[in-house]
């Protein structure tokens, strides 16, 4: 079984596209227009896995709420220092600042996207 994509409903497609393309470096591959929404597909240079940002035409005023079962998804960066510089330049802040996790031989940090989804950023050491 091959994992294809992860779908996230977004409240503001413009702020979400800025976050996922400018900060995380994903590129939009295509979109699918449906009767009630537009599906925006993005992926990184080193992967076939895509993130689908779903822009529903009718959005709850308070946005969407995640259940307590979802925790986060993870993306790999080649250089946490460069990622941190880009975070500061674009005006984003960490949920959890970068730290070394010896058990995983990695440096990790957490950010939140504009809709509050947690994303773990990993630099393998």
N, C-alpha and C. Protein backbone atom coordinates (compact mmCIF):
# COMPACT_ATOMS: atom_id res chain seq x y z
N UNK A 1 0.85 -1.18 0.00
CA UNK A 1 0.00 0.00 0.00
C UNK A 1 0.89 1.24 0.00
N UNK A 2 0.65 2.14 -0.91
CA UNK A 2 1.43 3.37 -1.01
C UNK A 2 0.61 4.53 -0.44
N UNK A 3 1.21 5.31 0.45
CA UNK A 3 0.53 6.49 0.99
C UNK A 3 0.60 7.58 -0.06
N UNK A 4 -0.55 8.18 -0.38
CA UNK A 4 -0.62 9.18 -1.45
C UNK A 4 -0.67 10.61 -0.96
N UNK A 5 -1.63 10.91 -0.05
CA UNK A 5 -1.73 12.30 0.41
C UNK A 5 -2.42 12.39 1.76
N UNK A 6 -2.30 13.58 2.34
CA UNK A 6 -2.94 13.95 3.60
C UNK A 6 -3.81 15.15 3.30
N UNK A 7 -5.08 15.12 3.70
CA UNK A 7 -6.00 16.22 3.42
C UNK A 7 -6.21 17.06 4.67
N UNK A 8 -6.13 18.38 4.50
CA UNK A 8 -6.36 19.32 5.58
C UNK A 8 -7.36 20.36 5.09
N UNK A 9 -8.45 20.55 5.85
CA UNK A 9 -9.40 21.62 5.55
C UNK A 9 -8.83 22.93 6.09
N UNK A 10 -8.88 23.98 5.27
CA UNK A 10 -8.30 25.25 5.68
C UNK A 10 -9.35 26.34 5.69
N UNK A 11 -9.21 27.27 6.61
CA UNK A 11 -10.15 28.39 6.72
C UNK A 11 -9.80 29.51 5.75
N UNK A 12 -8.50 29.80 5.59
CA UNK A 12 -8.04 30.88 4.72
C UNK A 12 -6.98 30.32 3.79
N UNK A 13 -7.36 30.05 2.55
CA UNK A 13 -6.44 29.40 1.61
C UNK A 13 -5.19 30.24 1.35
N UNK A 14 -5.31 31.56 1.35
CA UNK A 14 -4.15 32.40 1.08
C UNK A 14 -3.09 32.28 2.18
N UNK A 15 -3.50 32.34 3.44
CA UNK A 15 -2.51 32.21 4.52
C UNK A 15 -1.95 30.79 4.58
N UNK A 16 -2.78 29.80 4.28
CA UNK A 16 -2.29 28.42 4.27
C UNK A 16 -1.32 28.18 3.13
N UNK A 17 -1.61 28.71 1.94
CA UNK A 17 -0.69 28.54 0.80
C UNK A 17 0.64 29.23 1.10
N UNK A 18 0.60 30.41 1.71
CA UNK A 18 1.84 31.11 2.06
C UNK A 18 2.67 30.25 3.03
N UNK A 19 2.03 29.72 4.06
CA UNK A 19 2.72 28.89 5.05
C UNK A 19 3.35 27.66 4.40
N UNK A 20 2.55 26.92 3.64
CA UNK A 20 3.03 25.66 3.08
C UNK A 20 4.02 25.84 1.92
N UNK A 21 3.89 26.92 1.16
CA UNK A 21 4.82 27.12 0.03
C UNK A 21 6.04 27.93 0.43
N UNK A 22 5.83 29.07 1.10
CA UNK A 22 6.97 29.93 1.42
C UNK A 22 7.80 29.42 2.59
N UNK A 23 7.15 28.96 3.66
CA UNK A 23 7.90 28.47 4.82
C UNK A 23 8.36 27.03 4.62
N UNK A 24 7.44 26.14 4.28
CA UNK A 24 7.78 24.73 4.18
C UNK A 24 8.37 24.35 2.83
N UNK A 25 8.27 25.23 1.84
CA UNK A 25 8.91 24.98 0.55
C UNK A 25 8.20 23.99 -0.35
N UNK A 26 6.92 23.68 -0.04
CA UNK A 26 6.17 22.78 -0.91
C UNK A 26 5.74 23.53 -2.16
N UNK A 27 5.52 22.79 -3.23
CA UNK A 27 5.10 23.40 -4.49
C UNK A 27 3.73 22.87 -4.89
N UNK A 28 2.89 23.76 -5.38
CA UNK A 28 1.56 23.35 -5.82
C UNK A 28 1.71 22.56 -7.12
N UNK A 29 1.13 21.35 -7.14
CA UNK A 29 1.23 20.50 -8.32
C UNK A 29 -0.01 20.62 -9.21
N UNK A 30 -1.17 20.73 -8.58
CA UNK A 30 -2.41 20.86 -9.34
C UNK A 30 -3.56 21.16 -8.39
N UNK A 31 -4.71 21.46 -8.96
CA UNK A 31 -5.92 21.64 -8.15
C UNK A 31 -7.08 20.98 -8.87
N UNK A 32 -8.07 20.62 -8.06
CA UNK A 32 -9.29 20.03 -8.59
C UNK A 32 -10.45 20.86 -8.08
N UNK A 33 -11.25 21.37 -9.02
CA UNK A 33 -12.41 22.18 -8.65
C UNK A 33 -13.63 21.27 -8.59
N UNK A 34 -14.28 21.29 -7.44
CA UNK A 34 -15.49 20.51 -7.22
C UNK A 34 -16.66 21.47 -7.02
N UNK A 35 -17.84 20.93 -6.90
CA UNK A 35 -19.05 21.74 -6.73
C UNK A 35 -19.01 22.58 -5.45
N UNK A 36 -18.43 22.03 -4.39
CA UNK A 36 -18.45 22.70 -3.09
C UNK A 36 -17.08 23.12 -2.57
N UNK A 37 -16.02 22.88 -3.37
CA UNK A 37 -14.68 23.15 -2.86
C UNK A 37 -13.64 23.15 -3.98
N UNK A 38 -12.44 23.58 -3.61
CA UNK A 38 -11.28 23.44 -4.49
C UNK A 38 -10.22 22.69 -3.68
N UNK A 39 -9.66 21.66 -4.28
CA UNK A 39 -8.61 20.86 -3.65
C UNK A 39 -7.27 21.30 -4.23
N UNK A 40 -6.39 21.81 -3.37
CA UNK A 40 -5.07 22.29 -3.78
C UNK A 40 -4.04 21.26 -3.34
N UNK A 41 -3.28 20.69 -4.29
CA UNK A 41 -2.30 19.66 -3.97
C UNK A 41 -0.89 20.24 -4.01
N UNK A 42 -0.11 19.92 -2.95
CA UNK A 42 1.26 20.40 -2.84
C UNK A 42 2.18 19.25 -2.49
N UNK A 43 3.43 19.35 -2.91
CA UNK A 43 4.41 18.33 -2.51
C UNK A 43 5.80 18.92 -2.49
N UNK A 44 6.71 18.22 -1.81
CA UNK A 44 8.10 18.62 -1.74
C UNK A 44 8.88 18.06 -2.90
N UNK A 45 10.08 18.57 -3.10
CA UNK A 45 10.93 18.13 -4.20
C UNK A 45 11.37 16.68 -4.07
N UNK A 46 11.53 16.21 -2.84
CA UNK A 46 12.10 14.89 -2.61
C UNK A 46 11.07 13.80 -2.34
N UNK A 47 9.80 14.04 -2.66
CA UNK A 47 8.77 13.09 -2.27
C UNK A 47 7.62 13.07 -3.27
N UNK A 48 6.96 11.93 -3.35
CA UNK A 48 5.73 11.83 -4.14
C UNK A 48 4.50 12.09 -3.28
N UNK A 49 4.68 12.07 -1.96
CA UNK A 49 3.59 12.29 -1.01
C UNK A 49 3.09 13.73 -1.13
N UNK A 50 1.78 13.91 -1.16
CA UNK A 50 1.20 15.24 -1.30
C UNK A 50 0.36 15.63 -0.09
N UNK A 51 0.26 16.93 0.12
CA UNK A 51 -0.68 17.49 1.09
C UNK A 51 -1.78 18.15 0.28
N UNK A 52 -3.00 17.80 0.58
CA UNK A 52 -4.17 18.38 -0.08
C UNK A 52 -4.79 19.41 0.85
N UNK A 53 -4.76 20.67 0.45
CA UNK A 53 -5.42 21.73 1.21
C UNK A 53 -6.81 21.90 0.61
N UNK A 54 -7.83 21.62 1.39
CA UNK A 54 -9.20 21.70 0.91
C UNK A 54 -9.81 23.04 1.29
N UNK A 55 -10.20 23.77 0.27
CA UNK A 55 -10.83 25.08 0.42
C UNK A 55 -12.33 24.90 0.17
N UNK A 56 -13.09 24.67 1.24
CA UNK A 56 -14.54 24.55 1.11
C UNK A 56 -15.15 25.94 0.90
N UNK A 57 -16.18 26.02 0.10
CA UNK A 57 -16.82 27.31 -0.16
C UNK A 57 -17.65 27.77 1.03
N UNK A 58 -18.16 26.84 1.83
CA UNK A 58 -18.87 27.18 3.07
C UNK A 58 -18.01 26.69 4.23
N UNK A 59 -17.47 27.65 4.98
CA UNK A 59 -16.55 27.34 6.08
C UNK A 59 -17.19 27.78 7.39
N UNK A 60 -17.14 26.92 8.41
CA UNK A 60 -17.64 27.36 9.72
C UNK A 60 -16.91 28.62 10.16
N UNK A 61 -17.62 29.57 10.73
CA UNK A 61 -17.03 30.85 11.13
C UNK A 61 -15.83 30.65 12.04
N UNK A 62 -15.91 29.67 12.94
CA UNK A 62 -14.81 29.42 13.87
C UNK A 62 -13.72 28.53 13.27
N UNK A 63 -13.87 28.17 12.01
CA UNK A 63 -12.89 27.29 11.38
C UNK A 63 -13.21 25.84 11.66
N UNK A 64 -12.22 25.00 11.59
CA UNK A 64 -12.40 23.56 11.80
C UNK A 64 -11.73 23.16 13.11
N UNK A 65 -12.25 22.10 13.71
CA UNK A 65 -11.70 21.60 14.96
C UNK A 65 -11.20 20.18 14.75
N UNK A 66 -9.96 19.93 15.19
CA UNK A 66 -9.42 18.58 15.14
C UNK A 66 -9.85 17.82 16.38
N UNK A 67 -10.08 16.54 16.21
CA UNK A 67 -10.37 15.70 17.37
C UNK A 67 -9.10 15.51 18.18
N UNK A 68 -9.22 14.87 19.32
CA UNK A 68 -8.04 14.69 20.16
C UNK A 68 -7.21 13.47 19.76
N UNK A 69 -7.58 12.79 18.69
CA UNK A 69 -6.80 11.65 18.22
C UNK A 69 -5.65 12.08 17.31
N UNK A 70 -5.81 13.17 16.59
CA UNK A 70 -4.75 13.64 15.70
C UNK A 70 -3.70 14.38 16.49
N UNK A 71 -2.44 14.04 16.26
CA UNK A 71 -1.36 14.72 16.96
C UNK A 71 -0.60 15.67 16.05
N UNK A 72 0.10 15.12 15.06
CA UNK A 72 0.89 15.95 14.16
C UNK A 72 1.31 15.11 12.96
N UNK A 73 1.87 15.78 11.96
CA UNK A 73 2.59 15.07 10.91
C UNK A 73 3.98 15.67 10.86
N UNK A 74 4.93 14.98 10.22
CA UNK A 74 6.32 15.40 10.27
C UNK A 74 6.88 15.61 8.86
N UNK A 75 7.75 16.61 8.76
CA UNK A 75 8.48 16.90 7.53
C UNK A 75 9.96 17.00 7.87
N UNK A 76 10.80 16.62 6.93
CA UNK A 76 12.25 16.68 7.15
C UNK A 76 12.84 17.92 6.51
N UNK A 77 13.73 18.58 7.24
CA UNK A 77 14.53 19.67 6.70
C UNK A 77 15.98 19.22 6.68
N UNK A 78 16.72 19.72 5.72
CA UNK A 78 18.14 19.38 5.66
C UNK A 78 18.95 20.23 6.64
N UNK A 79 18.42 21.42 7.03
CA UNK A 79 19.17 22.35 7.86
C UNK A 79 18.21 23.14 8.76
N UNK A 80 18.17 22.78 10.03
CA UNK A 80 17.26 23.43 10.99
C UNK A 80 17.60 24.91 11.15
N UNK A 81 18.90 25.26 11.10
CA UNK A 81 19.28 26.67 11.23
C UNK A 81 18.72 27.49 10.09
N UNK A 82 18.79 26.98 8.87
CA UNK A 82 18.23 27.67 7.71
C UNK A 82 16.71 27.78 7.84
N UNK A 83 16.08 26.70 8.31
CA UNK A 83 14.62 26.72 8.51
C UNK A 83 14.26 27.78 9.55
N UNK A 84 15.02 27.86 10.63
CA UNK A 84 14.77 28.86 11.68
C UNK A 84 14.91 30.27 11.13
N UNK A 85 15.92 30.49 10.28
CA UNK A 85 16.11 31.80 9.67
C UNK A 85 14.90 32.17 8.82
N UNK A 86 14.41 31.21 8.06
CA UNK A 86 13.23 31.45 7.21
C UNK A 86 11.99 31.72 8.07
N UNK A 87 11.85 30.99 9.18
CA UNK A 87 10.73 31.21 10.11
C UNK A 87 10.72 32.66 10.58
N UNK A 88 11.88 33.13 11.03
CA UNK A 88 11.99 34.50 11.55
C UNK A 88 11.71 35.52 10.44
N UNK A 89 12.29 35.28 9.28
CA UNK A 89 12.11 36.19 8.14
C UNK A 89 10.64 36.33 7.75
N UNK A 90 9.89 35.24 7.81
CA UNK A 90 8.47 35.26 7.42
C UNK A 90 7.53 35.60 8.58
N UNK A 91 8.08 35.76 9.79
CA UNK A 91 7.27 36.18 10.93
C UNK A 91 6.53 35.05 11.63
N UNK A 92 6.98 33.81 11.44
CA UNK A 92 6.36 32.68 12.14
C UNK A 92 7.16 32.38 13.40
N UNK A 93 6.51 31.70 14.36
CA UNK A 93 7.19 31.32 15.60
C UNK A 93 7.01 29.82 15.83
N UNK A 94 7.93 29.27 16.59
CA UNK A 94 7.87 27.85 16.93
C UNK A 94 6.83 27.61 18.03
N UNK A 95 6.18 26.47 17.96
CA UNK A 95 5.40 25.96 19.08
C UNK A 95 6.38 25.41 20.10
N UNK A 96 7.36 24.61 19.63
CA UNK A 96 8.47 24.09 20.45
C UNK A 96 9.75 24.36 19.70
N UNK A 97 10.65 25.12 20.31
CA UNK A 97 11.94 25.47 19.70
C UNK A 97 12.73 24.19 19.37
N UNK A 98 13.66 24.27 18.42
CA UNK A 98 14.47 23.10 18.07
C UNK A 98 15.26 22.56 19.26
N UNK A 99 15.28 21.23 19.37
CA UNK A 99 16.08 20.57 20.39
C UNK A 99 16.54 19.22 19.85
N UNK A 100 17.64 18.73 20.40
CA UNK A 100 18.19 17.44 19.98
C UNK A 100 17.48 16.33 20.72
N UNK A 101 17.04 15.32 19.97
CA UNK A 101 16.45 14.12 20.54
C UNK A 101 17.42 12.97 20.25
N UNK A 102 18.31 12.68 21.22
CA UNK A 102 19.34 11.66 20.97
C UNK A 102 18.76 10.29 20.60
N UNK A 103 17.61 9.94 21.18
CA UNK A 103 17.00 8.63 20.91
C UNK A 103 16.66 8.45 19.43
N UNK A 104 16.41 9.56 18.73
CA UNK A 104 16.06 9.49 17.31
C UNK A 104 17.20 10.02 16.43
N UNK A 105 18.35 10.36 17.05
CA UNK A 105 19.47 10.93 16.32
C UNK A 105 19.01 12.07 15.42
N UNK A 106 18.20 12.96 16.00
CA UNK A 106 17.59 14.05 15.24
C UNK A 106 17.50 15.32 16.07
N UNK A 107 17.41 16.43 15.37
CA UNK A 107 17.03 17.70 15.97
C UNK A 107 15.59 17.92 15.53
N UNK A 108 14.70 18.24 16.46
CA UNK A 108 13.29 18.40 16.11
C UNK A 108 12.75 19.71 16.65
N UNK A 109 11.68 20.17 16.04
CA UNK A 109 10.96 21.36 16.47
C UNK A 109 9.52 21.18 16.03
N UNK A 110 8.63 21.98 16.57
CA UNK A 110 7.22 21.94 16.18
C UNK A 110 6.75 23.34 15.81
N UNK A 111 5.94 23.40 14.77
CA UNK A 111 5.26 24.62 14.35
C UNK A 111 3.78 24.31 14.22
N UNK A 112 2.98 25.37 14.14
CA UNK A 112 1.55 25.21 13.85
C UNK A 112 1.25 25.94 12.56
N UNK A 113 0.41 25.33 11.71
CA UNK A 113 -0.01 26.01 10.50
C UNK A 113 -1.11 27.01 10.84
N UNK A 114 -1.58 27.81 9.89
CA UNK A 114 -2.58 28.83 10.20
C UNK A 114 -3.89 28.29 10.79
N UNK A 115 -4.16 27.00 10.61
CA UNK A 115 -5.37 26.40 11.17
C UNK A 115 -5.11 25.65 12.46
N UNK A 116 -3.89 25.74 12.99
CA UNK A 116 -3.58 25.13 14.28
C UNK A 116 -3.10 23.70 14.21
N UNK A 117 -2.87 23.16 13.01
CA UNK A 117 -2.34 21.80 12.89
C UNK A 117 -0.87 21.80 13.25
N UNK A 118 -0.47 20.84 14.09
CA UNK A 118 0.94 20.75 14.51
C UNK A 118 1.75 19.99 13.47
N UNK A 119 2.94 20.53 13.19
CA UNK A 119 3.85 19.92 12.24
C UNK A 119 5.20 19.80 12.90
N UNK A 120 5.73 18.58 12.92
CA UNK A 120 7.07 18.35 13.47
C UNK A 120 8.07 18.53 12.33
N UNK A 121 9.10 19.33 12.60
CA UNK A 121 10.17 19.56 11.64
C UNK A 121 11.39 18.78 12.17
N UNK A 122 11.96 17.92 11.33
CA UNK A 122 13.04 17.03 11.75
C UNK A 122 14.28 17.25 10.89
N UNK A 123 15.42 17.43 11.56
CA UNK A 123 16.72 17.39 10.88
C UNK A 123 17.44 16.16 11.40
N UNK A 124 17.71 15.22 10.51
CA UNK A 124 18.45 14.01 10.91
C UNK A 124 19.90 14.37 11.10
N UNK A 125 20.46 13.92 12.25
CA UNK A 125 21.87 14.24 12.58
C UNK A 125 22.80 13.14 12.12
